[in-house]
Amino acid sequence: MKKLLNINNLKDHVFDGMSIMVGGFMVVGTPEFIVDELVNIGVKDLTLICNDAGLPGKGIAKLITNGQVKTLIASHIGLNPEAGQLMSAGKMECILIPQGTLAERIRAGGAGLGGILTPTGIGTIVEEGKQIINTNGKDFILELPLRADLAILEGTTVDEYGNVVYTKTTRNFNPVMATATDLVIVGAREIIKRIDPDNVMTPHIFVDYVIKEEL
């Protein structure tokens, strides 16, 4: 399998100050073994784009605890008290984005769009510093697209071509993030010869490398 990457070679694809999209929702759908390797590598000053801050001792919370995250872009951080403490102390920048807006901004980044128009946040602090556009008599916030250097995603089943299937809610942010980064690495729980094209959720054209999880 040409796209298969040894976990020990992950270090060749990461660098200090890079931006990383991490799939998952409350850690479900997060490739935790790849996160663990990022901790071991010690890459720092990261900008992480993900749904949340993980859970204490799980998911990207390990990177946060290890002081490797400079900026966290997420929809909420309440499930990881340490993230809130670091934000309040000014030790980690947190940019909070409404969950649907976060997903749509990532989608826009993957689709090459100039942004999205959303009514979410109108009349609140969410709109501060942003362009407001009125269309058909209604105000919308112009939200700009999000892209990153790298996406690390969890795939339940991956075939030899790099096609990916996610199981149930592990799907969450993974498919849209696969389209919006310069490099995509999938942590595979299982690798098979071929996935029926009708069942593919992330096509192989979006996947650069696959790392097999040792279960």
C-alpha atoms as a PDB file:
ATOM      1  CA  MET A   1       0.000   0.000   0.000  1.00  0.00           C
ATOM      2  CA  LYS A   2       1.821   3.104  -1.270  1.00  0.00           C
ATOM      3  CA  LYS A   3       0.068   5.486   1.134  1.00  0.00           C
ATOM      4  CA  LEU A   4       0.951   3.499   4.253  1.00  0.00           C
ATOM      5  CA  LEU A   5       3.100   5.541   6.634  1.00  0.00           C
ATOM      6  CA  ASN A   6       4.965   4.187   9.641  1.00  0.00           C
ATOM      7  CA  ILE A   7       4.018   6.046  12.814  1.00  0.00           C
ATOM      8  CA  ASN A   8       7.736   6.632  13.437  1.00  0.00           C
ATOM      9  CA  ASN A   9       7.901   8.730  10.257  1.00  0.00           C
ATOM     10  CA  LEU A  10       5.160  11.150  11.318  1.00  0.00           C
ATOM     11  CA  LYS A  11       7.915  13.481  12.496  1.00  0.00           C
ATOM     12  CA  ASP A  12       8.862  14.106   8.864  1.00  0.00           C
ATOM     13  CA  HIS A  13       5.487  15.722   8.187  1.00  0.00           C
ATOM     14  CA  VAL A  14       5.078  18.065  11.152  1.00  0.00           C
ATOM     15  CA  PHE A  15       6.816  21.284  12.151  1.00  0.00           C
ATOM     16  CA  ASP A  16       6.663  23.915  14.876  1.00  0.00           C
ATOM     17  CA  GLY A  17       4.018  26.572  14.334  1.00  0.00           C
ATOM     18  CA  MET A  18       1.904  24.501  11.960  1.00  0.00           C
ATOM     19  CA  SER A  19      -1.898  24.410  11.892  1.00  0.00           C
ATOM     20  CA  ILE A  20      -3.602  21.045  12.367  1.00  0.00           C
ATOM     21  CA  MET A  21      -7.241  20.057  11.982  1.00  0.00           C
ATOM     22  CA  VAL A  22      -8.143  17.174  14.274  1.00  0.00           C
ATOM     23  CA  GLY A  23     -11.304  15.184  13.647  1.00  0.00           C
ATOM     24  CA  GLY A  24     -13.529  14.142  16.494  1.00  0.00           C
ATOM     25  CA  PHE A  25     -16.363  15.171  18.763  1.00  0.00           C
ATOM     26  CA  MET A  26     -15.599  14.725  22.464  1.00  0.00           C
ATOM     27  CA  VAL A  27     -12.692  12.525  21.278  1.00  0.00           C
ATOM     28  CA  VAL A  28     -15.027  10.232  19.291  1.00  0.00           C
ATOM     29  CA  GLY A  29     -13.472  10.138  15.820  1.00  0.00           C
ATOM     30  CA  THR A  30     -10.089  11.444  17.008  1.00  0.00           C
ATOM     31  CA  PRO A  31      -7.021   9.318  16.062  1.00  0.00           C
ATOM     32  CA  GLU A  32      -5.656   9.249  19.605  1.00  0.00           C
ATOM     33  CA  PHE A  33      -2.592   7.180  18.753  1.00  0.00           C
ATOM     34  CA  ILE A  34      -1.499   9.868  16.283  1.00  0.00           C
ATOM     35  CA  VAL A  35      -2.084  12.550  18.922  1.00  0.00           C
ATOM     36  CA  ASP A  36       0.100  10.497  21.282  1.00  0.00           C
ATOM     37  CA  GLU A  37       2.877  10.500  18.687  1.00  0.00           C
ATOM     38  CA  LEU A  38       2.611  14.283  18.300  1.00  0.00           C
ATOM     39  CA  VAL A  39       3.132  14.498  22.057  1.00  0.00           C
ATOM     40  CA  ASN A  40       6.204  12.269  21.765  1.00  0.00           C
ATOM     41  CA  ILE A  41       7.611  14.332  18.891  1.00  0.00           C
ATOM     42  CA  GLY A  42       7.159  17.517  20.905  1.00  0.00           C
ATOM     43  CA  VAL A  43       6.160  19.734  17.986  1.00  0.00           C
ATOM     44  CA  LYS A  44       5.094  23.087  19.493  1.00  0.00           C
ATOM     45  CA  ASP A  45       3.345  26.422  18.913  1.00  0.00           C
ATOM     46  CA  LEU A  46       0.525  24.570  17.198  1.00  0.00           C
ATOM     47  CA  THR A  47      -2.759  26.016  16.009  1.00  0.00           C
ATOM     48  CA  LEU A  48      -5.372  23.304  16.476  1.00  0.00           C
ATOM     49  CA  ILE A  49      -8.729  23.423  14.717  1.00  0.00           C
ATOM     50  CA  CYS A  50     -11.241  20.981  16.141  1.00  0.00           C
ATOM     51  CA  ASN A  51     -14.690  20.759  17.635  1.00  0.00           C
ATOM     52  CA  ASP A  52     -13.591  20.941  21.270  1.00  0.00           C
ATOM     53  CA  ALA A  53     -10.608  20.691  23.620  1.00  0.00           C
ATOM     54  CA  GLY A  54     -10.906  16.965  24.176  1.00  0.00           C
ATOM     55  CA  LEU A  55     -11.432  15.412  27.588  1.00  0.00           C
ATOM     56  CA  PRO A  56      -8.966  15.449  30.497  1.00  0.00           C
ATOM     57  CA  GLY A  57      -6.173  13.056  29.539  1.00  0.00           C
ATOM     58  CA  LYS A  58      -7.768  12.178  26.198  1.00  0.00           C
ATOM     59  CA  GLY A  59      -7.529  13.429  22.625  1.00  0.00           C
ATOM     60  CA  ILE A  60      -6.005  16.845  22.004  1.00  0.00           C
ATOM     61  CA  ALA A  61      -6.124  17.540  25.747  1.00  0.00           C
ATOM     62  CA  LYS A  62      -2.766  15.744  25.867  1.00  0.00           C
ATOM     63  CA  LEU A  63      -1.243  18.330  23.534  1.00  0.00           C
ATOM     64  CA  ILE A  64      -2.775  21.150  25.565  1.00  0.00           C
ATOM     65  CA  THR A  65      -1.471  19.737  28.851  1.00  0.00           C
ATOM     66  CA  ASN A  66       1.982  19.326  27.322  1.00  0.00           C
ATOM     67  CA  GLY A  67       2.103  23.017  26.382  1.00  0.00           C
ATOM     68  CA  GLN A  68       2.283  22.377  22.637  1.00  0.00           C
ATOM     69  CA  VAL A  69      -0.769  24.420  21.633  1.00  0.00           C
ATOM     70  CA  LYS A  70      -0.482  28.148  20.997  1.00  0.00           C
ATOM     71  CA  THR A  71      -3.975  28.685  19.555  1.00  0.00           C
ATOM     72  CA  LEU A  72      -7.102  26.568  19.816  1.00  0.00           C
ATOM     73  CA  ILE A  73      -9.949  27.172  17.369  1.00  0.00           C
ATOM     74  CA  ALA A  74     -13.015  25.255  18.541  1.00  0.00           C
ATOM     75  CA  SER A  75     -16.730  25.446  19.199  1.00  0.00           C
ATOM     76  CA  HIS A  76     -16.484  24.782  22.957  1.00  0.00           C
ATOM     77  CA  ILE A  77     -13.884  23.901  25.594  1.00  0.00           C
ATOM     78  CA  GLY A  78     -16.023  23.278  28.668  1.00  0.00           C
ATOM     79  CA  LEU A  79     -15.306  19.543  28.880  1.00  0.00           C
ATOM     80  CA  ASN A  80     -11.606  20.220  29.486  1.00  0.00           C
ATOM     81  CA  PRO A  81     -11.210  22.553  32.504  1.00  0.00           C
ATOM     82  CA  GLU A  82      -7.493  22.986  31.832  1.00  0.00           C
ATOM     83  CA  ALA A  83      -8.223  24.627  28.467  1.00  0.00           C
ATOM     84  CA  GLY A  84     -10.389  27.228  30.186  1.00  0.00           C
ATOM     85  CA  GLN A  85      -7.725  27.872  32.793  1.00  0.00           C
ATOM     86  CA  LEU A  86      -5.029  28.395  30.167  1.00  0.00           C
ATOM     87  CA  MET A  87      -7.315  30.700  28.192  1.00  0.00           C
ATOM     88  CA  SER A  88      -8.135  32.785  31.286  1.00  0.00           C
ATOM     89  CA  ALA A  89      -4.454  33.013  32.211  1.00  0.00           C
ATOM     90  CA  GLY A  90      -3.534  34.180  28.700  1.00  0.00           C
ATOM     91  CA  LYS A  91      -1.313  31.146  28.167  1.00  0.00           C
ATOM     92  CA  MET A  92      -3.306  29.754  25.229  1.00  0.00           C
ATOM     93  CA  GLU A  93      -5.338  31.707  22.712  1.00  0.00           C
ATOM     94  CA  CYS A  94      -8.843  30.315  22.299  1.00  0.00           C
ATOM     95  CA  ILE A  95     -10.990  31.333  19.350  1.00  0.00           C
ATOM     96  CA  LEU A  96     -14.526  30.080  19.931  1.00  0.00           C
ATOM     97  CA  ILE A  97     -16.775  29.606  16.902  1.00  0.00           C
ATOM     98  CA  PRO A  98     -20.403  28.381  16.882  1.00  0.00           C
ATOM     99  CA  GLN A  99     -20.335  24.696  15.970  1.00  0.00           C
ATOM    100  CA  GLY A 100     -22.294  24.900  12.744  1.00  0.00           C
ATOM    101  CA  THR A 101     -20.306  27.934  11.650  1.00  0.00           C
ATOM    102  CA  LEU A 102     -17.059  26.065  12.365  1.00  0.00           C
ATOM    103  CA  ALA A 103     -18.134  23.155  10.163  1.00  0.00           C
ATOM    104  CA  GLU A 104     -19.265  25.476   7.379  1.00  0.00           C
ATOM    105  CA  ARG A 105     -16.069  27.539   7.475  1.00  0.00           C
ATOM    106  CA  ILE A 106     -14.048  24.337   7.082  1.00  0.00           C
ATOM    107  CA  ARG A 107     -16.328  23.221   4.247  1.00  0.00           C
ATOM    108  CA  ALA A 108     -15.834  26.601   2.573  1.00  0.00           C
ATOM    109  CA  GLY A 109     -12.083  26.188   2.905  1.00  0.00           C
ATOM    110  CA  GLY A 110     -12.249  22.812   1.219  1.00  0.00           C
ATOM    111  CA  ALA A 111     -14.550  24.019  -1.543  1.00  0.00           C
ATOM    112  CA  GLY A 112     -12.481  27.074  -2.410  1.00  0.00           C
ATOM    113  CA  LEU A 113     -15.230  29.496  -1.416  1.00  0.00           C
ATOM    114  CA  GLY A 114     -14.607  33.041  -0.254  1.00  0.00           C
ATOM    115  CA  GLY A 115     -16.660  32.530   2.890  1.00  0.00           C
ATOM    116  CA  ILE A 116     -20.180  31.858   4.120  1.00  0.00           C
ATOM    117  CA  LEU A 117     -23.076  34.064   5.189  1.00  0.00           C
ATOM    118  CA  THR A 118     -24.738  33.080   8.454  1.00  0.00           C
ATOM    119  CA  PRO A 119     -27.263  34.727  10.791  1.00  0.00           C
ATOM    120  CA  THR A 120     -25.733  32.890  13.760  1.00  0.00           C
ATOM    121  CA  GLY A 121     -24.251  35.443  16.138  1.00  0.00           C
ATOM    122  CA  ILE A 122     -26.007  38.520  14.809  1.00  0.00           C
ATOM    123  CA  GLY A 123     -26.513  40.965  17.684  1.00  0.00           C
ATOM    124  CA  THR A 124     -23.903  39.226  19.879  1.00  0.00           C
ATOM    125  CA  ILE A 125     -20.145  39.463  20.453  1.00  0.00           C
ATOM    126  CA  VAL A 126     -19.749  36.921  17.642  1.00  0.00           C
ATOM    127  CA  GLU A 127     -20.300  39.675  15.067  1.00  0.00           C
ATOM    128  CA  GLU A 128     -17.674  42.040  16.502  1.00  0.00           C
ATOM    129  CA  GLY A 129     -15.055  43.031  13.940  1.00  0.00           C
ATOM    130  CA  LYS A 130     -16.767  41.137  11.130  1.00  0.00           C
ATOM    131  CA  GLN A 131     -18.466  42.313   7.964  1.00  0.00           C
ATOM    132  CA  ILE A 132     -22.261  42.323   8.065  1.00  0.00           C
ATOM    133  CA  ILE A 133     -24.032  41.814   4.763  1.00  0.00           C
ATOM    134  CA  ASN A 134     -27.733  42.482   4.277  1.00  0.00           C
ATOM    135  CA  THR A 135     -29.495  40.364   1.709  1.00  0.00           C
ATOM    136  CA  ASN A 136     -33.255  40.156   1.151  1.00  0.00           C
ATOM    137  CA  GLY A 137     -33.731  42.426   4.146  1.00  0.00           C
ATOM    138  CA  LYS A 138     -31.860  40.182   6.600  1.00  0.00           C
ATOM    139  CA  ASP A 139     -28.422  40.666   8.166  1.00  0.00           C
ATOM    140  CA  PHE A 140     -25.778  37.979   7.879  1.00  0.00           C
ATOM    141  CA  ILE A 141     -22.222  37.695   9.189  1.00  0.00           C
ATOM    142  CA  LEU A 142     -19.556  37.025   6.593  1.00  0.00           C
ATOM    143  CA  GLU A 143     -17.446  34.189   8.037  1.00  0.00           C
ATOM    144  CA  LEU A 144     -14.185  33.451   6.260  1.00  0.00           C
ATOM    145  CA  PRO A 145     -13.020  29.964   5.194  1.00  0.00           C
ATOM    146  CA  LEU A 146     -10.730  27.857   7.352  1.00  0.00           C
ATOM    147  CA  ARG A 147      -7.820  25.786   6.078  1.00  0.00           C
ATOM    148  CA  ALA A 148      -4.825  24.139   7.759  1.00  0.00           C
ATOM    149  CA  ASP A 149      -1.448  22.609   6.997  1.00  0.00           C
ATOM    150  CA  LEU A 150      -2.448  19.128   8.167  1.00  0.00           C
ATOM    151  CA  ALA A 151      -5.509  17.077   9.070  1.00  0.00           C
ATOM    152  CA  ILE A 152      -5.271  14.007  11.283  1.00  0.00           C
ATOM    153  CA  LEU A 153      -8.411  11.920  11.024  1.00  0.00           C
ATOM    154  CA  GLU A 154      -9.651   8.577  12.301  1.00  0.00           C
ATOM    155  CA  GLY A 155     -10.947   6.069   9.763  1.00  0.00           C
ATOM    156  CA  THR A 156     -12.718   2.927  10.890  1.00  0.00           C
ATOM    157  CA  THR A 157     -11.985   1.057   7.664  1.00  0.00           C
ATOM    158  CA  VAL A 158      -9.526   2.135   4.973  1.00  0.00           C
ATOM    159  CA  ASP A 159      -8.747   0.265   1.776  1.00  0.00           C
ATOM    160  CA  GLU A 160      -5.448  -0.130  -0.071  1.00  0.00           C
ATOM    161  CA  TYR A 161      -6.202   2.935  -2.210  1.00  0.00           C
ATOM    162  CA  GLY A 162      -6.840   5.198   0.777  1.00  0.00           C
ATOM    163  CA  ASN A 163     -10.647   5.292   0.604  1.00  0.00           C
ATOM    164  CA  VAL A 164     -12.181   5.741   4.045  1.00  0.00           C
ATOM    165  CA  VAL A 165     -15.305   4.603   5.893  1.00  0.00           C
ATOM    166  CA  TYR A 166     -16.258   6.014   9.300  1.00  0.00           C
ATOM    167  CA  THR A 167     -18.513   4.228  11.771  1.00  0.00           C
ATOM    168  CA  LYS A 168     -21.532   6.040  13.161  1.00  0.00           C
ATOM    169  CA  THR A 169     -20.661   9.291  14.985  1.00  0.00           C
ATOM    170  CA  THR A 170     -16.924   8.918  14.352  1.00  0.00           C
ATOM    171  CA  ARG A 171     -17.783  10.499  11.020  1.00  0.00           C
ATOM    172  CA  ASN A 172     -18.499  13.988  12.474  1.00  0.00           C
ATOM    173  CA  PHE A 173     -15.853  16.527  11.348  1.00  0.00           C
ATOM    174  CA  ASN A 174     -13.582  14.043   9.572  1.00  0.00           C
ATOM    175  CA  PRO A 175     -14.969  14.141   5.987  1.00  0.00           C
ATOM    176  CA  VAL A 176     -15.084  17.935   5.741  1.00  0.00           C
ATOM    177  CA  MET A 177     -11.621  18.361   7.279  1.00  0.00           C
ATOM    178  CA  ALA A 178     -10.186  15.964   4.701  1.00  0.00           C
ATOM    179  CA  THR A 179     -10.933  18.540   2.003  1.00  0.00           C
ATOM    180  CA  ALA A 180      -9.529  21.615   3.733  1.00  0.00           C
ATOM    181  CA  THR A 181      -5.842  20.947   4.424  1.00  0.00           C
ATOM    182  CA  ASP A 182      -2.615  20.648   2.480  1.00  0.00           C
ATOM    183  CA  LEU A 183      -1.848  17.189   3.899  1.00  0.00           C
ATOM    184  CA  VAL A 184      -4.241  14.506   5.176  1.00  0.00           C
ATOM    185  CA  ILE A 185      -3.153  11.622   7.387  1.00  0.00           C
ATOM    186  CA  VAL A 186      -5.725   8.993   8.372  1.00  0.00           C
ATOM    187  CA  GLY A 187      -5.317   6.742  11.374  1.00  0.00           C
ATOM    188  CA  ALA A 188      -6.914   3.449  10.298  1.00  0.00           C
ATOM    189  CA  ARG A 189      -8.372   0.947  12.692  1.00  0.00           C
ATOM    190  CA  GLU A 190      -8.588  -1.620   9.875  1.00  0.00           C
ATOM    191  CA  ILE A 191      -7.114  -1.813   6.373  1.00  0.00           C
ATOM    192  CA  ILE A 192      -8.803  -3.996   3.743  1.00  0.00           C
ATOM    193  CA  LYS A 193      -8.197  -4.636   0.052  1.00  0.00           C
ATOM    194  CA  ARG A 194     -11.115  -2.662  -1.382  1.00  0.00           C
ATOM    195  CA  ILE A 195     -14.151  -0.700  -0.184  1.00  0.00           C
ATOM    196  CA  ASP A 196     -17.275  -0.713  -2.331  1.00  0.00           C
ATOM    197  CA  PRO A 197     -17.300   2.740  -4.020  1.00  0.00           C
ATOM    198  CA  ASP A 198     -20.917   3.249  -2.930  1.00  0.00           C
ATOM    199  CA  ASN A 199     -19.796   3.077   0.702  1.00  0.00           C
ATOM    200  CA  VAL A 200     -16.817   5.429   0.529  1.00  0.00           C
ATOM    201  CA  MET A 201     -17.150   8.482   2.794  1.00  0.00           C
ATOM    202  CA  THR A 202     -13.785  10.126   2.118  1.00  0.00           C
ATOM    203  CA  PRO A 203     -12.382   9.318  -1.357  1.00  0.00           C
ATOM    204  CA  HIS A 204      -8.738   8.374  -1.703  1.00  0.00           C
ATOM    205  CA  ILE A 205      -7.927  11.537  -3.669  1.00  0.00           C
ATOM    206  CA  PHE A 206      -8.103  13.506  -0.405  1.00  0.00           C
ATOM    207  CA  VAL A 207      -5.848  11.132   1.565  1.00  0.00           C
ATOM    208  CA  ASP A 208      -2.064  11.463   1.453  1.00  0.00           C
ATOM    209  CA  TYR A 209      -1.032   8.914   4.086  1.00  0.00           C
ATOM    210  CA  VAL A 210      -2.558   6.134   6.157  1.00  0.00           C
ATOM    211  CA  ILE A 211      -1.169   4.974   9.492  1.00  0.00           C
ATOM    212  CA  LYS A 212      -2.384   1.617  10.809  1.00  0.00           C
ATOM    213  CA  GLU A 213      -3.428   1.674  14.458  1.00  0.00           C
ATOM    214  CA  GLU A 214      -2.013  -1.216  16.426  1.00  0.00           C
ATOM    215  CA  LEU A 215      -5.013  -2.474  18.379  1.00  0.00           C
END
